[in-house]
């Protein structure tokens, strides 16, 4: 725990236009991996699922990418891949280091543009909101015919951690 900087709460909001992997639909769930692996619940028969789940990652090395995988849950065979994406928390961590206390809620700290180095499908703003730093992301899935996953990041400080 001595190398822990803090916790990154990843709110997995929803999937949009995910690929069909069963007869007419899919049973999708999301796996997020950065060191350890966390996953959402399965949403049955849906290609536009709403998970609205918080997954919390322990951050020791903010230079590592966060990897996201979407799968279709199958009962009698291996789960089908429905795409993947990754994102960098570097800009988010840089914003954390700015010591933003006292700024008005809703202040945009920085904007991250879609590029070949990330899976963003649209511009993503890092915002100071009600004393917290948040970032909304819409990730375009790779290695699949269609699909996006919407997330929100929020930093959680831990008493006794080395912090940012």
N, C-alpha and C. Protein backbone atom coordinates (compact mmCIF):
# COMPACT_ATOMS: atom_id res chain seq x y z
N UNK A 1 0.82 -1.20 0.00
CA UNK A 1 0.00 0.00 0.00
C UNK A 1 0.87 1.26 0.00
N UNK A 2 2.18 1.14 0.30
CA UNK A 2 3.04 2.31 0.38
C UNK A 2 3.21 3.01 -0.96
N UNK A 3 3.04 2.29 -2.09
CA UNK A 3 3.21 2.89 -3.40
C UNK A 3 1.88 3.38 -4.00
N UNK A 4 0.81 3.23 -3.27
CA UNK A 4 -0.50 3.61 -3.77
C UNK A 4 -0.64 5.12 -3.81
N UNK A 5 -1.03 5.67 -4.96
CA UNK A 5 -1.23 7.11 -5.11
C UNK A 5 -2.65 7.51 -4.72
N UNK A 6 -3.58 6.62 -4.98
CA UNK A 6 -4.98 6.90 -4.72
C UNK A 6 -5.84 5.91 -5.47
N UNK A 7 -7.12 6.19 -5.49
CA UNK A 7 -8.08 5.31 -6.15
C UNK A 7 -8.75 6.05 -7.29
N UNK A 8 -8.96 5.34 -8.37
CA UNK A 8 -9.69 5.89 -9.51
C UNK A 8 -11.03 5.18 -9.58
N UNK A 9 -12.10 5.94 -9.34
CA UNK A 9 -13.44 5.38 -9.45
C UNK A 9 -13.87 5.51 -10.91
N UNK A 10 -14.16 4.38 -11.53
CA UNK A 10 -14.61 4.35 -12.92
C UNK A 10 -16.09 4.01 -12.89
N UNK A 11 -16.91 4.99 -13.24
CA UNK A 11 -18.35 4.75 -13.31
C UNK A 11 -18.65 4.28 -14.74
N UNK A 12 -19.01 3.01 -14.87
CA UNK A 12 -19.36 2.45 -16.18
C UNK A 12 -20.84 2.75 -16.38
N UNK A 13 -21.11 3.74 -17.22
CA UNK A 13 -22.48 4.21 -17.40
C UNK A 13 -23.27 3.28 -18.32
N UNK A 14 -22.88 3.24 -19.61
CA UNK A 14 -23.69 2.47 -20.54
C UNK A 14 -22.89 2.10 -21.78
N UNK A 15 -23.45 1.18 -22.54
CA UNK A 15 -22.93 0.81 -23.85
C UNK A 15 -23.90 1.30 -24.91
N UNK A 16 -23.35 1.62 -26.08
CA UNK A 16 -24.18 2.15 -27.17
C UNK A 16 -23.89 1.36 -28.43
N UNK A 17 -24.95 0.79 -29.03
CA UNK A 17 -24.85 0.09 -30.31
C UNK A 17 -23.77 -1.00 -30.29
N UNK A 18 -23.81 -1.82 -29.23
CA UNK A 18 -22.84 -2.91 -29.13
C UNK A 18 -23.16 -3.99 -30.16
N UNK A 19 -22.17 -4.79 -30.47
CA UNK A 19 -22.31 -5.85 -31.48
C UNK A 19 -23.26 -6.94 -30.99
N UNK A 20 -23.95 -7.55 -31.93
CA UNK A 20 -24.82 -8.69 -31.64
C UNK A 20 -23.97 -9.95 -31.70
N UNK A 21 -24.00 -10.73 -30.62
CA UNK A 21 -23.20 -11.96 -30.57
C UNK A 21 -24.06 -13.21 -30.34
N UNK A 22 -25.32 -13.03 -30.01
CA UNK A 22 -26.24 -14.15 -29.90
C UNK A 22 -27.19 -14.07 -31.10
N UNK A 23 -28.30 -14.75 -31.07
CA UNK A 23 -29.20 -14.78 -32.22
C UNK A 23 -29.68 -13.38 -32.61
N UNK A 24 -30.22 -12.63 -31.67
CA UNK A 24 -30.75 -11.30 -31.97
C UNK A 24 -30.17 -10.19 -31.10
N UNK A 25 -29.41 -10.55 -30.11
CA UNK A 25 -28.93 -9.56 -29.15
C UNK A 25 -27.62 -10.05 -28.55
N UNK A 26 -27.27 -9.55 -27.38
CA UNK A 26 -26.09 -9.97 -26.63
C UNK A 26 -26.39 -9.84 -25.15
N UNK A 27 -25.53 -10.44 -24.35
CA UNK A 27 -25.61 -10.35 -22.90
C UNK A 27 -24.30 -9.74 -22.41
N UNK A 28 -24.12 -8.41 -22.60
CA UNK A 28 -22.81 -7.80 -22.40
C UNK A 28 -22.45 -7.52 -20.94
N UNK A 29 -21.14 -7.54 -20.70
CA UNK A 29 -20.55 -7.05 -19.46
C UNK A 29 -19.20 -6.44 -19.80
N UNK A 30 -18.70 -5.59 -18.91
CA UNK A 30 -17.45 -4.88 -19.13
C UNK A 30 -16.42 -5.36 -18.12
N UNK A 31 -15.19 -5.55 -18.60
CA UNK A 31 -14.05 -5.86 -17.74
C UNK A 31 -13.08 -4.68 -17.86
N UNK A 32 -12.64 -4.17 -16.72
CA UNK A 32 -11.64 -3.11 -16.71
C UNK A 32 -10.40 -3.68 -16.04
N UNK A 33 -9.26 -3.44 -16.70
CA UNK A 33 -8.01 -4.02 -16.22
C UNK A 33 -6.93 -2.94 -16.15
N UNK A 34 -6.35 -2.83 -14.98
CA UNK A 34 -5.14 -2.03 -14.76
C UNK A 34 -4.50 -2.65 -13.53
N UNK A 35 -3.59 -3.59 -13.77
CA UNK A 35 -3.08 -4.39 -12.67
C UNK A 35 -4.11 -5.47 -12.37
N UNK A 36 -5.06 -5.18 -11.50
CA UNK A 36 -6.11 -6.16 -11.25
C UNK A 36 -7.27 -5.98 -12.21
N UNK A 37 -8.17 -6.91 -12.19
CA UNK A 37 -9.29 -6.93 -13.14
C UNK A 37 -10.61 -6.81 -12.38
N UNK A 38 -11.48 -5.93 -12.86
CA UNK A 38 -12.81 -5.74 -12.27
C UNK A 38 -13.84 -5.86 -13.37
N UNK A 39 -15.05 -6.30 -13.00
CA UNK A 39 -16.07 -6.40 -14.05
C UNK A 39 -17.44 -6.00 -13.54
N UNK A 40 -18.28 -5.58 -14.50
CA UNK A 40 -19.66 -5.20 -14.22
C UNK A 40 -20.53 -6.46 -14.22
N UNK A 41 -21.76 -6.25 -13.90
CA UNK A 41 -22.74 -7.33 -14.00
C UNK A 41 -23.11 -7.53 -15.47
N UNK A 42 -23.73 -8.62 -15.79
CA UNK A 42 -24.20 -8.92 -17.14
C UNK A 42 -25.59 -8.30 -17.31
N UNK A 43 -25.81 -7.65 -18.45
CA UNK A 43 -27.14 -7.15 -18.80
C UNK A 43 -27.67 -8.06 -19.91
N UNK A 44 -28.76 -8.74 -19.63
CA UNK A 44 -29.30 -9.74 -20.56
C UNK A 44 -30.01 -9.11 -21.76
N UNK A 45 -29.81 -9.73 -22.92
CA UNK A 45 -30.54 -9.39 -24.16
C UNK A 45 -30.56 -7.90 -24.47
N UNK A 46 -29.39 -7.28 -24.59
CA UNK A 46 -29.36 -5.84 -24.80
C UNK A 46 -28.08 -5.42 -25.52
N UNK A 47 -28.21 -4.60 -26.56
CA UNK A 47 -27.03 -4.06 -27.22
C UNK A 47 -26.83 -2.57 -26.86
N UNK A 48 -27.71 -2.04 -26.01
CA UNK A 48 -27.58 -0.69 -25.47
C UNK A 48 -27.75 -0.74 -23.94
N UNK A 49 -26.87 -1.51 -23.27
CA UNK A 49 -27.04 -1.75 -21.83
C UNK A 49 -26.72 -0.53 -20.98
N UNK A 50 -27.39 -0.44 -19.84
CA UNK A 50 -27.07 0.56 -18.82
C UNK A 50 -26.61 -0.19 -17.59
N UNK A 51 -25.32 -0.05 -17.30
CA UNK A 51 -24.75 -0.71 -16.12
C UNK A 51 -24.85 0.19 -14.90
N UNK A 52 -24.49 1.46 -15.04
CA UNK A 52 -24.47 2.40 -13.91
C UNK A 52 -23.80 1.79 -12.69
N UNK A 53 -22.58 1.29 -12.90
CA UNK A 53 -21.81 0.65 -11.84
C UNK A 53 -20.48 1.35 -11.63
N UNK A 54 -20.05 1.41 -10.37
CA UNK A 54 -18.75 1.96 -10.03
C UNK A 54 -17.76 0.83 -9.80
N UNK A 55 -16.62 0.92 -10.50
CA UNK A 55 -15.51 0.01 -10.30
C UNK A 55 -14.33 0.86 -9.84
N UNK A 56 -13.62 0.43 -8.82
CA UNK A 56 -12.55 1.25 -8.26
C UNK A 56 -11.20 0.58 -8.44
N UNK A 57 -10.30 1.30 -9.12
CA UNK A 57 -8.95 0.82 -9.38
C UNK A 57 -7.96 1.47 -8.43
N UNK A 58 -7.03 0.69 -7.90
CA UNK A 58 -5.92 1.22 -7.10
C UNK A 58 -4.84 1.68 -8.06
N UNK A 59 -4.42 2.93 -7.93
CA UNK A 59 -3.45 3.50 -8.86
C UNK A 59 -2.09 3.61 -8.17
N UNK A 60 -1.13 2.87 -8.71
CA UNK A 60 0.25 2.98 -8.25
C UNK A 60 1.12 3.60 -9.34
N UNK A 61 0.82 3.29 -10.60
CA UNK A 61 1.59 3.81 -11.73
C UNK A 61 0.63 4.44 -12.74
N UNK A 62 0.48 5.77 -12.70
CA UNK A 62 -0.49 6.43 -13.59
C UNK A 62 -0.07 6.47 -15.05
N UNK A 63 1.13 5.96 -15.36
CA UNK A 63 1.56 5.95 -16.77
C UNK A 63 1.02 4.73 -17.51
N UNK A 64 0.50 3.75 -16.78
CA UNK A 64 -0.07 2.56 -17.43
C UNK A 64 -1.45 2.88 -17.99
N UNK A 65 -1.78 2.34 -19.16
CA UNK A 65 -3.13 2.56 -19.69
C UNK A 65 -4.16 1.71 -18.94
N UNK A 66 -5.38 2.20 -18.92
CA UNK A 66 -6.50 1.41 -18.39
C UNK A 66 -7.10 0.70 -19.59
N UNK A 67 -7.27 -0.61 -19.48
CA UNK A 67 -7.80 -1.40 -20.59
C UNK A 67 -9.22 -1.82 -20.27
N UNK A 68 -10.07 -1.75 -21.28
CA UNK A 68 -11.48 -2.07 -21.14
C UNK A 68 -11.83 -3.12 -22.19
N UNK A 69 -12.56 -4.13 -21.78
CA UNK A 69 -12.99 -5.21 -22.67
C UNK A 69 -14.48 -5.41 -22.47
N UNK A 70 -15.20 -5.65 -23.57
CA UNK A 70 -16.63 -5.96 -23.49
C UNK A 70 -16.80 -7.39 -24.00
N UNK A 71 -17.56 -8.17 -23.25
CA UNK A 71 -17.82 -9.57 -23.59
C UNK A 71 -19.32 -9.85 -23.58
N UNK A 72 -19.70 -10.87 -24.33
CA UNK A 72 -21.05 -11.41 -24.31
C UNK A 72 -21.02 -12.68 -23.48
N UNK A 73 -21.81 -12.72 -22.42
CA UNK A 73 -21.86 -13.87 -21.52
C UNK A 73 -22.56 -15.03 -22.21
N UNK A 74 -21.89 -16.18 -22.24
CA UNK A 74 -22.48 -17.41 -22.79
C UNK A 74 -22.50 -18.47 -21.69
N UNK A 75 -23.53 -19.29 -21.70
CA UNK A 75 -23.68 -20.31 -20.68
C UNK A 75 -22.90 -21.58 -20.99
N UNK A 76 -22.93 -22.03 -22.23
CA UNK A 76 -22.36 -23.32 -22.56
C UNK A 76 -21.08 -23.25 -23.38
N UNK A 77 -20.55 -22.06 -23.58
CA UNK A 77 -19.29 -21.91 -24.32
C UNK A 77 -18.54 -20.71 -23.75
N UNK A 78 -17.34 -20.49 -24.28
CA UNK A 78 -16.56 -19.33 -23.82
C UNK A 78 -17.30 -18.05 -24.18
N UNK A 79 -17.16 -17.02 -23.34
CA UNK A 79 -17.79 -15.73 -23.60
C UNK A 79 -17.19 -15.13 -24.87
N UNK A 80 -18.05 -14.49 -25.68
CA UNK A 80 -17.62 -13.89 -26.94
C UNK A 80 -17.07 -12.49 -26.71
N UNK A 81 -16.00 -12.16 -27.44
CA UNK A 81 -15.46 -10.81 -27.39
C UNK A 81 -16.37 -9.86 -28.16
N UNK A 82 -16.58 -8.68 -27.58
CA UNK A 82 -17.43 -7.66 -28.21
C UNK A 82 -16.67 -6.35 -28.39
N UNK A 83 -15.35 -6.40 -28.33
CA UNK A 83 -14.54 -5.21 -28.53
C UNK A 83 -13.73 -4.84 -27.31
N UNK A 84 -12.79 -3.93 -27.54
CA UNK A 84 -11.92 -3.48 -26.47
C UNK A 84 -11.53 -2.03 -26.72
N UNK A 85 -11.00 -1.40 -25.70
CA UNK A 85 -10.54 -0.02 -25.80
C UNK A 85 -9.52 0.20 -24.68
N UNK A 86 -8.77 1.26 -24.79
CA UNK A 86 -7.90 1.64 -23.68
C UNK A 86 -7.84 3.16 -23.63
N UNK A 87 -7.52 3.64 -22.43
CA UNK A 87 -7.39 5.08 -22.27
C UNK A 87 -6.29 5.38 -21.27
N UNK A 88 -5.73 6.56 -21.43
CA UNK A 88 -4.62 7.03 -20.64
C UNK A 88 -5.16 7.96 -19.56
N UNK A 89 -4.72 7.77 -18.31
CA UNK A 89 -5.17 8.68 -17.25
C UNK A 89 -4.16 9.80 -17.00
N UNK A 90 -3.13 9.89 -17.85
CA UNK A 90 -2.10 10.93 -17.70
C UNK A 90 -2.67 12.34 -17.61
N UNK A 91 -3.51 12.77 -18.56
CA UNK A 91 -4.08 14.13 -18.48
C UNK A 91 -4.91 14.34 -17.20
N UNK A 92 -5.59 13.31 -16.76
CA UNK A 92 -6.40 13.38 -15.54
C UNK A 92 -5.49 13.59 -14.32
N UNK A 93 -4.40 12.83 -14.26
CA UNK A 93 -3.45 12.94 -13.15
C UNK A 93 -2.76 14.31 -13.17
N UNK A 94 -2.42 14.81 -14.36
CA UNK A 94 -1.83 16.15 -14.47
C UNK A 94 -2.78 17.20 -13.91
N UNK A 95 -4.06 17.08 -14.20
CA UNK A 95 -5.05 18.03 -13.68
C UNK A 95 -5.14 17.92 -12.15
N UNK A 96 -5.03 16.71 -11.61
CA UNK A 96 -5.06 16.52 -10.15
C UNK A 96 -3.92 17.26 -9.47
N UNK A 97 -2.79 17.32 -10.12
CA UNK A 97 -1.60 17.95 -9.53
C UNK A 97 -1.71 19.47 -9.49
N UNK A 98 -2.74 20.04 -10.10
CA UNK A 98 -2.89 21.49 -10.16
C UNK A 98 -3.42 22.11 -8.88
N UNK A 99 -3.84 21.33 -7.91
CA UNK A 99 -4.40 21.85 -6.66
C UNK A 99 -5.54 22.82 -6.95
N UNK A 100 -6.68 22.27 -7.24
CA UNK A 100 -7.79 23.03 -7.79
C UNK A 100 -8.79 23.56 -6.75
N UNK A 101 -8.55 23.27 -5.49
CA UNK A 101 -9.49 23.71 -4.45
C UNK A 101 -9.76 25.20 -4.59
N UNK A 102 -11.00 25.59 -4.46
CA UNK A 102 -11.39 26.99 -4.55
C UNK A 102 -11.92 27.41 -5.91
N UNK A 103 -11.74 26.58 -6.92
CA UNK A 103 -12.27 26.91 -8.23
C UNK A 103 -13.79 26.75 -8.23
N UNK A 104 -14.49 27.53 -9.04
CA UNK A 104 -15.95 27.37 -9.13
C UNK A 104 -16.30 26.01 -9.73
N UNK A 105 -17.38 25.43 -9.26
CA UNK A 105 -17.86 24.16 -9.80
C UNK A 105 -18.21 24.33 -11.27
N UNK A 106 -17.84 23.36 -12.08
CA UNK A 106 -18.11 23.41 -13.51
C UNK A 106 -16.95 23.95 -14.32
N UNK A 107 -15.84 24.31 -13.66
CA UNK A 107 -14.68 24.83 -14.38
C UNK A 107 -14.03 23.72 -15.20
N UNK A 108 -13.84 23.98 -16.49
CA UNK A 108 -13.15 23.02 -17.36
C UNK A 108 -11.66 23.23 -17.18
N UNK A 109 -10.97 22.17 -16.78
CA UNK A 109 -9.53 22.23 -16.52
C UNK A 109 -8.76 22.02 -17.81
N UNK A 110 -9.11 21.01 -18.56
CA UNK A 110 -8.46 20.74 -19.83
C UNK A 110 -9.39 19.89 -20.68
N UNK A 111 -9.08 19.83 -21.98
CA UNK A 111 -9.85 19.00 -22.90
C UNK A 111 -8.90 18.01 -23.55
N UNK A 112 -9.35 16.78 -23.70
CA UNK A 112 -8.56 15.74 -24.35
C UNK A 112 -9.24 15.43 -25.68
N UNK A 113 -8.46 15.51 -26.75
CA UNK A 113 -8.98 15.29 -28.09
C UNK A 113 -8.83 13.83 -28.51
N UNK A 114 -9.75 13.32 -29.33
CA UNK A 114 -9.58 11.98 -29.89
C UNK A 114 -8.31 11.95 -30.75
N UNK A 115 -7.61 10.83 -30.70
CA UNK A 115 -6.40 10.69 -31.50
C UNK A 115 -6.12 9.21 -31.75
N UNK A 116 -5.07 8.93 -32.49
CA UNK A 116 -4.68 7.54 -32.72
C UNK A 116 -4.16 6.88 -31.46
N UNK A 117 -3.79 7.67 -30.45
CA UNK A 117 -3.24 7.14 -29.21
C UNK A 117 -4.31 6.84 -28.16
N UNK A 118 -5.57 7.18 -28.43
CA UNK A 118 -6.63 6.86 -27.48
C UNK A 118 -7.86 6.36 -28.24
N UNK A 119 -8.83 5.88 -27.53
CA UNK A 119 -10.05 5.34 -28.16
C UNK A 119 -11.22 6.29 -28.00
N UNK A 120 -10.95 7.56 -27.72
CA UNK A 120 -12.04 8.52 -27.55
C UNK A 120 -12.80 8.68 -28.86
N UNK A 121 -14.13 8.68 -28.76
CA UNK A 121 -14.94 8.91 -29.96
C UNK A 121 -15.30 10.39 -30.10
N UNK A 122 -15.07 11.16 -29.01
CA UNK A 122 -15.35 12.59 -29.03
C UNK A 122 -14.47 13.27 -28.00
N UNK A 123 -14.40 14.60 -28.06
CA UNK A 123 -13.61 15.36 -27.10
C UNK A 123 -14.07 15.05 -25.68
N UNK A 124 -13.13 14.98 -24.75
CA UNK A 124 -13.43 14.67 -23.36
C UNK A 124 -12.89 15.78 -22.47
N UNK A 125 -13.75 16.41 -21.68
CA UNK A 125 -13.34 17.49 -20.78
C UNK A 125 -13.08 16.96 -19.38
N UNK A 126 -12.02 17.46 -18.77
CA UNK A 126 -11.73 17.19 -17.37
C UNK A 126 -12.25 18.41 -16.61
N UNK A 127 -13.16 18.17 -15.67
CA UNK A 127 -13.93 19.26 -15.04
C UNK A 127 -13.80 19.21 -13.52
N UNK A 128 -13.70 20.38 -12.90
CA UNK A 128 -13.77 20.50 -11.44
C UNK A 128 -15.24 20.70 -11.10
N UNK A 129 -15.82 19.75 -10.37
CA UNK A 129 -17.25 19.80 -10.08
C UNK A 129 -17.52 19.44 -8.62
N UNK A 130 -18.07 20.36 -7.88
CA UNK A 130 -18.43 20.15 -6.48
C UNK A 130 -17.27 19.59 -5.67
N UNK A 131 -16.08 20.16 -5.86
CA UNK A 131 -14.92 19.75 -5.08
C UNK A 131 -14.27 18.46 -5.54
N UNK A 132 -14.66 17.97 -6.72
CA UNK A 132 -14.10 16.73 -7.25
C UNK A 132 -13.66 16.95 -8.69
N UNK A 133 -12.63 16.20 -9.07
CA UNK A 133 -12.19 16.23 -10.46
C UNK A 133 -12.84 15.05 -11.16
N UNK A 134 -13.54 15.32 -12.27
CA UNK A 134 -14.22 14.26 -13.02
C UNK A 134 -13.89 14.39 -14.51
N UNK A 135 -14.00 13.28 -15.19
CA UNK A 135 -13.83 13.26 -16.65
C UNK A 135 -14.82 12.28 -17.23
N UNK A 136 -15.61 12.75 -18.19
CA UNK A 136 -16.54 11.89 -18.91
C UNK A 136 -15.86 11.43 -20.20
N UNK A 137 -15.91 10.12 -20.45
CA UNK A 137 -15.29 9.54 -21.62
C UNK A 137 -16.31 8.76 -22.43
N UNK A 138 -16.23 8.86 -23.74
CA UNK A 138 -16.99 8.01 -24.63
C UNK A 138 -15.94 7.28 -25.48
N UNK A 139 -15.81 5.97 -25.24
CA UNK A 139 -14.77 5.19 -25.90
C UNK A 139 -15.35 4.38 -27.05
N UNK A 140 -14.73 4.51 -28.22
CA UNK A 140 -15.10 3.70 -29.38
C UNK A 140 -14.37 2.37 -29.25
N UNK A 141 -15.12 1.28 -29.30
CA UNK A 141 -14.52 -0.05 -29.18
C UNK A 141 -13.76 -0.41 -30.45
N UNK A 142 -12.63 -1.08 -30.27
CA UNK A 142 -11.81 -1.57 -31.38
C UNK A 142 -12.06 -3.06 -31.56
N UNK A 143 -11.62 -3.59 -32.69
CA UNK A 143 -11.68 -5.03 -32.97
C UNK A 143 -13.10 -5.57 -32.95
N UNK A 144 -14.03 -4.75 -33.42
CA UNK A 144 -15.44 -5.12 -33.46
C UNK A 144 -16.13 -4.22 -34.50
N UNK A 145 -17.28 -4.65 -34.99
CA UNK A 145 -17.97 -3.88 -36.02
C UNK A 145 -18.64 -2.62 -35.52
N UNK A 146 -19.04 -2.56 -34.24
CA UNK A 146 -19.66 -1.35 -33.71
C UNK A 146 -19.63 -1.37 -32.20
N UNK A 147 -19.84 -0.20 -31.62
CA UNK A 147 -20.01 -0.11 -30.17
C UNK A 147 -19.17 0.96 -29.51
N UNK A 148 -19.77 1.58 -28.50
CA UNK A 148 -19.10 2.56 -27.66
C UNK A 148 -19.49 2.29 -26.21
N UNK A 149 -18.61 2.70 -25.29
CA UNK A 149 -18.89 2.59 -23.87
C UNK A 149 -18.65 3.95 -23.24
N UNK A 150 -19.63 4.41 -22.44
CA UNK A 150 -19.53 5.69 -21.76
C UNK A 150 -19.13 5.49 -20.31
N UNK A 151 -18.09 6.25 -19.89
CA UNK A 151 -17.54 6.15 -18.54
C UNK A 151 -17.43 7.53 -17.90
N UNK A 152 -17.29 7.55 -16.58
CA UNK A 152 -16.91 8.76 -15.88
C UNK A 152 -15.82 8.40 -14.89
N UNK A 153 -14.74 9.19 -14.88
CA UNK A 153 -13.64 8.99 -13.95
C UNK A 153 -13.76 9.98 -12.81
N UNK A 154 -13.40 9.52 -11.60
CA UNK A 154 -13.34 10.40 -10.43
C UNK A 154 -12.22 9.91 -9.54
N UNK A 155 -11.39 10.83 -9.04
CA UNK A 155 -10.26 10.49 -8.18
C UNK A 155 -10.73 10.42 -6.73
N UNK A 156 -10.23 9.41 -6.00
CA UNK A 156 -10.53 9.27 -4.59
C UNK A 156 -9.21 9.24 -3.83
N UNK A 157 -8.96 10.25 -3.00
CA UNK A 157 -7.74 10.26 -2.19
C UNK A 157 -7.88 9.30 -1.03
N UNK A 158 -6.77 8.73 -0.64
CA UNK A 158 -6.74 7.79 0.48
C UNK A 158 -5.89 8.40 1.59
N UNK A 159 -6.40 8.50 2.79
CA UNK A 159 -5.57 8.99 3.89
C UNK A 159 -4.34 8.09 4.05
N UNK A 160 -3.17 8.69 4.14
CA UNK A 160 -1.94 7.92 4.33
C UNK A 160 -1.26 7.51 3.04
N UNK A 161 -1.91 7.74 1.87
CA UNK A 161 -1.26 7.39 0.60
C UNK A 161 -0.31 8.52 0.23
N UNK A 162 0.59 8.27 -0.72
CA UNK A 162 1.53 9.31 -1.11
C UNK A 162 0.86 10.39 -1.95
N UNK A 163 -0.34 10.12 -2.40
CA UNK A 163 -1.13 11.11 -3.12
C UNK A 163 -0.53 11.55 -4.43
N UNK A 164 -1.13 12.57 -4.99
CA UNK A 164 -0.68 13.10 -6.29
C UNK A 164 0.18 14.32 -6.03
